[in-house]
């Protein structure tokens, strides 16, 4: 499986962006999909995740109510809709996946994902 993230850019505070993560190859290997972000000098942070089986969605507290994860398996693409963006959301965003479903408590744990795409930079600034 290969992942390709896109959609990053510069946006003003309060604005919106939608990130896309296109997956290719053996797509049956795409089970749970997640978005992570990383700021230089800090650990990679889990932002949102979605399981394939039951569609469960998980979010880190700082983005709950502002970000929304979704997936369109027919288009082999996952999305992260980001609204009400804040300067603190500035980071490189990565999508990741692994086969099967991940238990709820580990859905945002980067250690359980085995396939990663290259990042896309999101900058929130006026």
N, C-alpha and C. Protein backbone atom coordinates (compact mmCIF):
# COMPACT_ATOMS: atom_id res chain seq x y z
N UNK A 1 0.85 -1.19 0.00
CA UNK A 1 0.00 0.00 0.00
C UNK A 1 0.89 1.24 0.00
N UNK A 2 0.52 2.21 -0.81
CA UNK A 2 1.20 3.50 -0.81
C UNK A 2 0.17 4.59 -0.50
N UNK A 3 0.60 5.58 0.24
CA UNK A 3 -0.26 6.70 0.61
C UNK A 3 0.33 7.99 0.09
N UNK A 4 -0.53 8.89 -0.38
CA UNK A 4 -0.09 10.20 -0.85
C UNK A 4 -1.02 11.26 -0.27
N UNK A 5 -0.48 12.08 0.60
CA UNK A 5 -1.25 13.17 1.21
C UNK A 5 -1.10 14.44 0.40
N UNK A 6 -2.16 15.23 0.37
CA UNK A 6 -2.13 16.50 -0.34
C UNK A 6 -3.17 17.44 0.27
N UNK A 7 -3.12 18.70 -0.17
CA UNK A 7 -4.14 19.66 0.26
C UNK A 7 -3.67 20.68 1.26
N UNK A 8 -2.42 20.57 1.70
CA UNK A 8 -1.92 21.55 2.64
C UNK A 8 -1.73 22.91 2.00
N UNK A 9 -1.48 23.91 2.82
CA UNK A 9 -1.27 25.25 2.30
C UNK A 9 -1.32 26.28 3.40
N UNK A 10 -1.37 27.53 2.99
CA UNK A 10 -1.45 28.65 3.93
C UNK A 10 -2.90 29.10 4.05
N UNK A 11 -3.37 29.25 5.27
CA UNK A 11 -4.74 29.67 5.50
C UNK A 11 -4.76 30.62 6.70
N UNK A 12 -5.70 31.55 6.69
CA UNK A 12 -5.81 32.49 7.80
C UNK A 12 -6.52 31.83 8.98
N UNK A 13 -6.27 32.31 10.18
CA UNK A 13 -7.01 31.80 11.35
C UNK A 13 -8.51 31.89 11.12
N UNK A 14 -9.20 30.83 11.52
CA UNK A 14 -10.64 30.76 11.29
C UNK A 14 -11.02 30.14 9.97
N UNK A 15 -10.05 29.93 9.10
CA UNK A 15 -10.33 29.37 7.78
C UNK A 15 -10.42 27.85 7.80
N UNK A 16 -10.57 27.28 6.60
CA UNK A 16 -10.74 25.84 6.45
C UNK A 16 -9.81 25.29 5.38
N UNK A 17 -9.47 24.04 5.54
CA UNK A 17 -8.73 23.29 4.53
C UNK A 17 -9.23 21.86 4.55
N UNK A 18 -9.11 21.18 3.41
CA UNK A 18 -9.41 19.76 3.37
C UNK A 18 -8.19 19.02 2.85
N UNK A 19 -7.66 18.14 3.67
CA UNK A 19 -6.55 17.30 3.26
C UNK A 19 -7.07 16.00 2.66
N UNK A 20 -6.34 15.50 1.69
CA UNK A 20 -6.69 14.23 1.06
C UNK A 20 -5.55 13.24 1.23
N UNK A 21 -5.88 11.99 1.34
CA UNK A 21 -4.88 10.92 1.43
C UNK A 21 -5.32 9.83 0.46
N UNK A 22 -4.65 9.78 -0.67
CA UNK A 22 -5.00 8.78 -1.69
C UNK A 22 -4.18 7.53 -1.46
N UNK A 23 -4.82 6.37 -1.46
CA UNK A 23 -4.10 5.14 -1.25
C UNK A 23 -4.18 4.27 -2.49
N UNK A 24 -3.09 3.56 -2.73
CA UNK A 24 -2.99 2.72 -3.92
C UNK A 24 -2.24 1.45 -3.57
N UNK A 25 -2.22 0.53 -4.50
CA UNK A 25 -1.58 -0.76 -4.27
C UNK A 25 -2.61 -1.77 -3.77
N UNK A 26 -2.24 -2.56 -2.81
CA UNK A 26 -3.13 -3.57 -2.26
C UNK A 26 -4.05 -2.90 -1.25
N UNK A 27 -5.14 -2.33 -1.74
CA UNK A 27 -6.00 -1.51 -0.89
C UNK A 27 -6.75 -2.32 0.15
N UNK A 28 -6.74 -3.63 0.01
CA UNK A 28 -7.32 -4.44 1.08
C UNK A 28 -6.48 -4.33 2.34
N UNK A 29 -5.26 -3.81 2.18
CA UNK A 29 -4.40 -3.59 3.34
C UNK A 29 -4.70 -2.29 4.06
N UNK A 30 -5.68 -1.55 3.57
CA UNK A 30 -6.06 -0.29 4.21
C UNK A 30 -7.21 -0.56 5.16
N UNK A 31 -6.89 -0.70 6.44
CA UNK A 31 -7.92 -0.96 7.43
C UNK A 31 -8.27 0.33 8.13
N UNK A 32 -7.59 0.59 9.24
CA UNK A 32 -7.77 1.86 9.94
C UNK A 32 -6.88 2.91 9.29
N UNK A 33 -7.44 4.08 9.10
CA UNK A 33 -6.67 5.22 8.57
C UNK A 33 -6.61 6.31 9.63
N UNK A 34 -5.48 6.97 9.71
CA UNK A 34 -5.34 8.04 10.71
C UNK A 34 -4.56 9.20 10.13
N UNK A 35 -4.78 10.33 10.73
CA UNK A 35 -4.00 11.53 10.43
C UNK A 35 -3.19 11.91 11.67
N UNK A 36 -1.94 12.24 11.42
CA UNK A 36 -1.05 12.71 12.46
C UNK A 36 -0.48 14.06 12.04
N UNK A 37 0.08 14.77 12.99
CA UNK A 37 0.76 16.02 12.66
C UNK A 37 2.00 16.17 13.53
N UNK A 38 2.94 16.92 12.99
CA UNK A 38 4.19 17.11 13.71
C UNK A 38 4.73 18.51 13.48
N UNK A 39 5.15 19.10 14.58
CA UNK A 39 5.81 20.39 14.57
C UNK A 39 7.29 20.13 14.87
N UNK A 40 8.21 20.83 14.20
CA UNK A 40 9.63 20.60 14.48
C UNK A 40 9.95 20.67 15.96
N UNK A 41 10.68 19.67 16.44
CA UNK A 41 11.07 19.66 17.84
C UNK A 41 10.06 19.02 18.77
N UNK A 42 8.92 18.60 18.21
CA UNK A 42 7.89 17.97 19.03
C UNK A 42 7.57 16.59 18.50
N UNK A 43 6.96 15.78 19.36
CA UNK A 43 6.55 14.44 18.94
C UNK A 43 5.38 14.50 17.98
N UNK A 44 5.31 13.48 17.12
CA UNK A 44 4.17 13.37 16.22
C UNK A 44 2.92 13.11 17.04
N UNK A 45 1.85 13.82 16.70
CA UNK A 45 0.60 13.76 17.47
C UNK A 45 -0.52 13.15 16.63
N UNK A 46 -1.25 12.22 17.20
CA UNK A 46 -2.41 11.67 16.52
C UNK A 46 -3.54 12.69 16.52
N UNK A 47 -4.14 12.92 15.36
CA UNK A 47 -5.19 13.93 15.23
C UNK A 47 -6.55 13.29 15.09
N UNK A 48 -6.68 12.34 14.16
CA UNK A 48 -7.97 11.71 13.89
C UNK A 48 -7.74 10.33 13.30
N UNK A 49 -8.69 9.43 13.52
CA UNK A 49 -8.58 8.09 12.98
C UNK A 49 -9.96 7.56 12.64
N UNK A 50 -10.01 6.63 11.70
CA UNK A 50 -11.28 6.01 11.33
C UNK A 50 -11.05 4.55 11.01
N UNK A 51 -11.81 3.69 11.65
CA UNK A 51 -11.72 2.26 11.36
C UNK A 51 -12.55 1.92 10.13
N UNK A 52 -12.13 0.88 9.42
CA UNK A 52 -12.87 0.48 8.22
C UNK A 52 -14.11 -0.32 8.59
N UNK A 53 -14.00 -1.22 9.54
CA UNK A 53 -15.09 -2.15 9.82
C UNK A 53 -16.36 -1.47 10.29
N UNK A 54 -16.28 -0.78 11.41
CA UNK A 54 -17.47 -0.16 11.99
C UNK A 54 -17.52 1.34 11.77
N UNK A 55 -16.49 1.89 11.12
CA UNK A 55 -16.49 3.31 10.85
C UNK A 55 -16.21 4.19 12.04
N UNK A 56 -15.81 3.57 13.17
CA UNK A 56 -15.51 4.35 14.37
C UNK A 56 -14.54 5.48 14.04
N UNK A 57 -14.80 6.66 14.61
CA UNK A 57 -13.93 7.81 14.42
C UNK A 57 -13.43 8.29 15.78
N UNK A 58 -12.15 8.60 15.84
CA UNK A 58 -11.57 9.14 17.05
C UNK A 58 -10.83 10.42 16.77
N UNK A 59 -10.84 11.33 17.74
CA UNK A 59 -10.18 12.62 17.58
C UNK A 59 -9.41 12.98 18.84
N UNK A 60 -8.30 13.68 18.65
CA UNK A 60 -7.65 14.23 19.80
C UNK A 60 -8.47 15.41 20.29
N UNK A 61 -8.39 15.68 21.58
CA UNK A 61 -9.29 16.66 22.19
C UNK A 61 -9.18 18.04 21.56
N UNK A 62 -8.00 18.45 21.17
CA UNK A 62 -7.79 19.82 20.68
C UNK A 62 -8.47 20.08 19.33
N UNK A 63 -8.88 19.03 18.60
CA UNK A 63 -9.50 19.24 17.30
C UNK A 63 -10.95 18.78 17.26
N UNK A 64 -11.42 18.16 18.34
CA UNK A 64 -12.78 17.64 18.34
C UNK A 64 -13.77 18.79 18.12
N UNK A 65 -14.71 18.57 17.20
CA UNK A 65 -15.69 19.60 16.88
C UNK A 65 -15.24 20.54 15.77
N UNK A 66 -13.96 20.52 15.43
CA UNK A 66 -13.45 21.38 14.34
C UNK A 66 -12.99 20.55 13.15
N UNK A 67 -12.42 19.38 13.39
CA UNK A 67 -11.91 18.52 12.33
C UNK A 67 -12.85 17.34 12.14
N UNK A 68 -12.87 16.83 10.91
CA UNK A 68 -13.70 15.67 10.62
C UNK A 68 -12.97 14.75 9.66
N UNK A 69 -12.84 13.48 10.04
CA UNK A 69 -12.19 12.49 9.18
C UNK A 69 -13.27 11.71 8.43
N UNK A 70 -12.97 11.37 7.18
CA UNK A 70 -13.88 10.56 6.40
C UNK A 70 -13.07 9.77 5.38
N UNK A 71 -13.73 8.83 4.74
CA UNK A 71 -13.05 8.04 3.73
C UNK A 71 -14.05 7.64 2.65
N UNK A 72 -13.57 7.55 1.44
CA UNK A 72 -14.37 7.10 0.31
C UNK A 72 -13.61 5.94 -0.31
N UNK A 73 -13.99 4.72 0.07
CA UNK A 73 -13.25 3.56 -0.40
C UNK A 73 -13.37 3.37 -1.91
N UNK A 74 -14.46 3.84 -2.49
CA UNK A 74 -14.62 3.73 -3.94
C UNK A 74 -13.59 4.59 -4.66
N UNK A 75 -13.19 5.68 -4.04
CA UNK A 75 -12.18 6.57 -4.62
C UNK A 75 -10.81 6.31 -4.02
N UNK A 76 -10.71 5.35 -3.11
CA UNK A 76 -9.43 5.05 -2.44
C UNK A 76 -8.81 6.31 -1.85
N UNK A 77 -9.62 7.09 -1.18
CA UNK A 77 -9.15 8.36 -0.62
C UNK A 77 -9.77 8.59 0.75
N UNK A 78 -8.94 9.08 1.65
CA UNK A 78 -9.40 9.52 2.96
C UNK A 78 -9.24 11.03 3.03
N UNK A 79 -10.03 11.65 3.88
CA UNK A 79 -10.02 13.11 3.97
C UNK A 79 -9.92 13.56 5.42
N UNK A 80 -9.39 14.76 5.59
CA UNK A 80 -9.44 15.42 6.88
C UNK A 80 -9.94 16.84 6.63
N UNK A 81 -11.19 17.08 6.97
CA UNK A 81 -11.77 18.41 6.85
C UNK A 81 -11.41 19.19 8.10
N UNK A 82 -10.75 20.32 7.92
CA UNK A 82 -10.29 21.12 9.05
C UNK A 82 -10.97 22.48 8.99
N UNK A 83 -11.76 22.78 9.99
CA UNK A 83 -12.47 24.06 10.08
C UNK A 83 -12.00 24.85 11.29
N UNK A 84 -12.31 26.12 11.31
CA UNK A 84 -11.95 26.99 12.44
C UNK A 84 -10.49 26.82 12.82
N UNK A 85 -9.64 26.88 11.83
CA UNK A 85 -8.22 26.62 12.05
C UNK A 85 -7.59 27.69 12.93
N UNK A 86 -6.63 27.23 13.72
CA UNK A 86 -5.91 28.10 14.64
C UNK A 86 -4.41 28.04 14.32
N UNK A 87 -3.66 29.06 14.72
CA UNK A 87 -2.20 29.00 14.51
C UNK A 87 -1.59 27.74 15.13
N UNK A 88 -2.17 27.26 16.23
CA UNK A 88 -1.65 26.05 16.87
C UNK A 88 -1.82 24.80 16.02
N UNK A 89 -2.62 24.87 14.96
CA UNK A 89 -2.79 23.73 14.06
C UNK A 89 -1.69 23.66 13.00
N UNK A 90 -0.84 24.66 12.98
CA UNK A 90 0.26 24.67 12.02
C UNK A 90 1.18 23.48 12.25
N UNK A 91 1.40 22.68 11.23
CA UNK A 91 2.21 21.46 11.35
C UNK A 91 2.31 20.79 9.99
N UNK A 92 3.17 19.80 9.92
CA UNK A 92 3.15 18.88 8.78
C UNK A 92 2.19 17.75 9.13
N UNK A 93 1.26 17.50 8.24
CA UNK A 93 0.24 16.49 8.46
C UNK A 93 0.56 15.24 7.64
N UNK A 94 0.43 14.08 8.29
CA UNK A 94 0.70 12.80 7.66
C UNK A 94 -0.53 11.90 7.76
N UNK A 95 -0.74 11.07 6.75
CA UNK A 95 -1.74 10.02 6.88
C UNK A 95 -1.02 8.68 7.03
N UNK A 96 -1.67 7.77 7.70
CA UNK A 96 -1.09 6.46 7.98
C UNK A 96 -2.19 5.42 7.99
N UNK A 97 -1.78 4.16 7.78
CA UNK A 97 -2.76 3.09 7.80
C UNK A 97 -2.11 1.78 8.22
N UNK A 98 -2.94 0.82 8.52
CA UNK A 98 -2.50 -0.55 8.74
C UNK A 98 -3.70 -1.45 8.46
N UNK A 99 -3.46 -2.70 8.15
CA UNK A 99 -4.59 -3.61 7.89
C UNK A 99 -5.43 -3.82 9.13
N UNK A 100 -6.69 -4.13 8.94
CA UNK A 100 -7.54 -4.47 10.06
C UNK A 100 -7.97 -3.27 10.87
N UNK A 101 -8.67 -3.56 11.92
CA UNK A 101 -9.18 -2.51 12.81
C UNK A 101 -8.35 -2.44 14.08
N UNK A 102 -8.10 -1.25 14.52
CA UNK A 102 -7.31 -1.00 15.73
C UNK A 102 -8.27 -0.75 16.89
N UNK A 103 -7.93 -1.27 18.06
CA UNK A 103 -8.79 -1.05 19.21
C UNK A 103 -8.88 0.44 19.51
N UNK A 104 -9.99 0.85 20.05
CA UNK A 104 -10.30 2.26 20.26
C UNK A 104 -9.17 2.98 20.98
N UNK A 105 -8.66 2.40 22.02
CA UNK A 105 -7.67 3.07 22.84
C UNK A 105 -6.33 3.32 22.16
N UNK A 106 -6.10 2.69 21.01
CA UNK A 106 -4.81 2.85 20.34
C UNK A 106 -4.94 3.45 18.95
N UNK A 107 -6.12 3.92 18.65
CA UNK A 107 -6.40 4.42 17.31
C UNK A 107 -5.53 5.62 16.95
N UNK A 108 -5.10 6.40 17.93
CA UNK A 108 -4.26 7.57 17.67
C UNK A 108 -2.81 7.35 18.09
N UNK A 109 -2.43 6.10 18.25
CA UNK A 109 -1.06 5.76 18.64
C UNK A 109 -0.25 5.49 17.38
N UNK A 110 0.74 6.29 17.11
CA UNK A 110 1.51 6.16 15.87
C UNK A 110 2.24 4.82 15.79
N UNK A 111 2.50 4.19 16.92
CA UNK A 111 3.28 2.96 16.92
C UNK A 111 2.56 1.78 16.29
N UNK A 112 1.25 1.86 16.13
CA UNK A 112 0.51 0.72 15.58
C UNK A 112 0.37 0.79 14.07
N UNK A 113 0.80 1.87 13.46
CA UNK A 113 0.64 2.05 12.02
C UNK A 113 1.93 1.66 11.30
N UNK A 114 1.77 0.95 10.19
CA UNK A 114 2.96 0.45 9.51
C UNK A 114 3.17 1.06 8.12
N UNK A 115 2.25 1.85 7.66
CA UNK A 115 2.40 2.48 6.35
C UNK A 115 2.09 3.97 6.47
N UNK A 116 3.01 4.78 5.98
CA UNK A 116 2.90 6.23 6.12
C UNK A 116 3.08 6.90 4.76
N UNK A 117 2.34 7.99 4.58
CA UNK A 117 2.55 8.81 3.41
C UNK A 117 3.49 9.96 3.75
N UNK A 118 3.93 10.67 2.72
CA UNK A 118 4.73 11.86 2.96
C UNK A 118 3.80 12.96 3.48
N UNK A 119 4.35 13.87 4.21
CA UNK A 119 3.55 14.90 4.84
C UNK A 119 3.15 16.02 3.91
N UNK A 120 2.15 16.76 4.35
CA UNK A 120 1.74 17.98 3.66
C UNK A 120 1.66 19.09 4.70
N UNK A 121 2.25 20.24 4.37
CA UNK A 121 2.39 21.32 5.35
C UNK A 121 1.14 22.18 5.39
N UNK A 122 0.66 22.39 6.61
CA UNK A 122 -0.46 23.31 6.86
C UNK A 122 0.07 24.46 7.71
N UNK A 123 -0.11 25.67 7.21
CA UNK A 123 0.32 26.86 7.93
C UNK A 123 -0.89 27.74 8.16
N UNK A 124 -1.16 28.03 9.43
CA UNK A 124 -2.28 28.90 9.79
C UNK A 124 -1.70 30.20 10.32
N UNK A 125 -1.86 31.25 9.53
CA UNK A 125 -1.24 32.52 9.89
C UNK A 125 -1.94 33.65 9.17
N UNK A 126 -1.96 34.81 9.83
CA UNK A 126 -2.53 35.99 9.19
C UNK A 126 -1.43 36.81 8.51
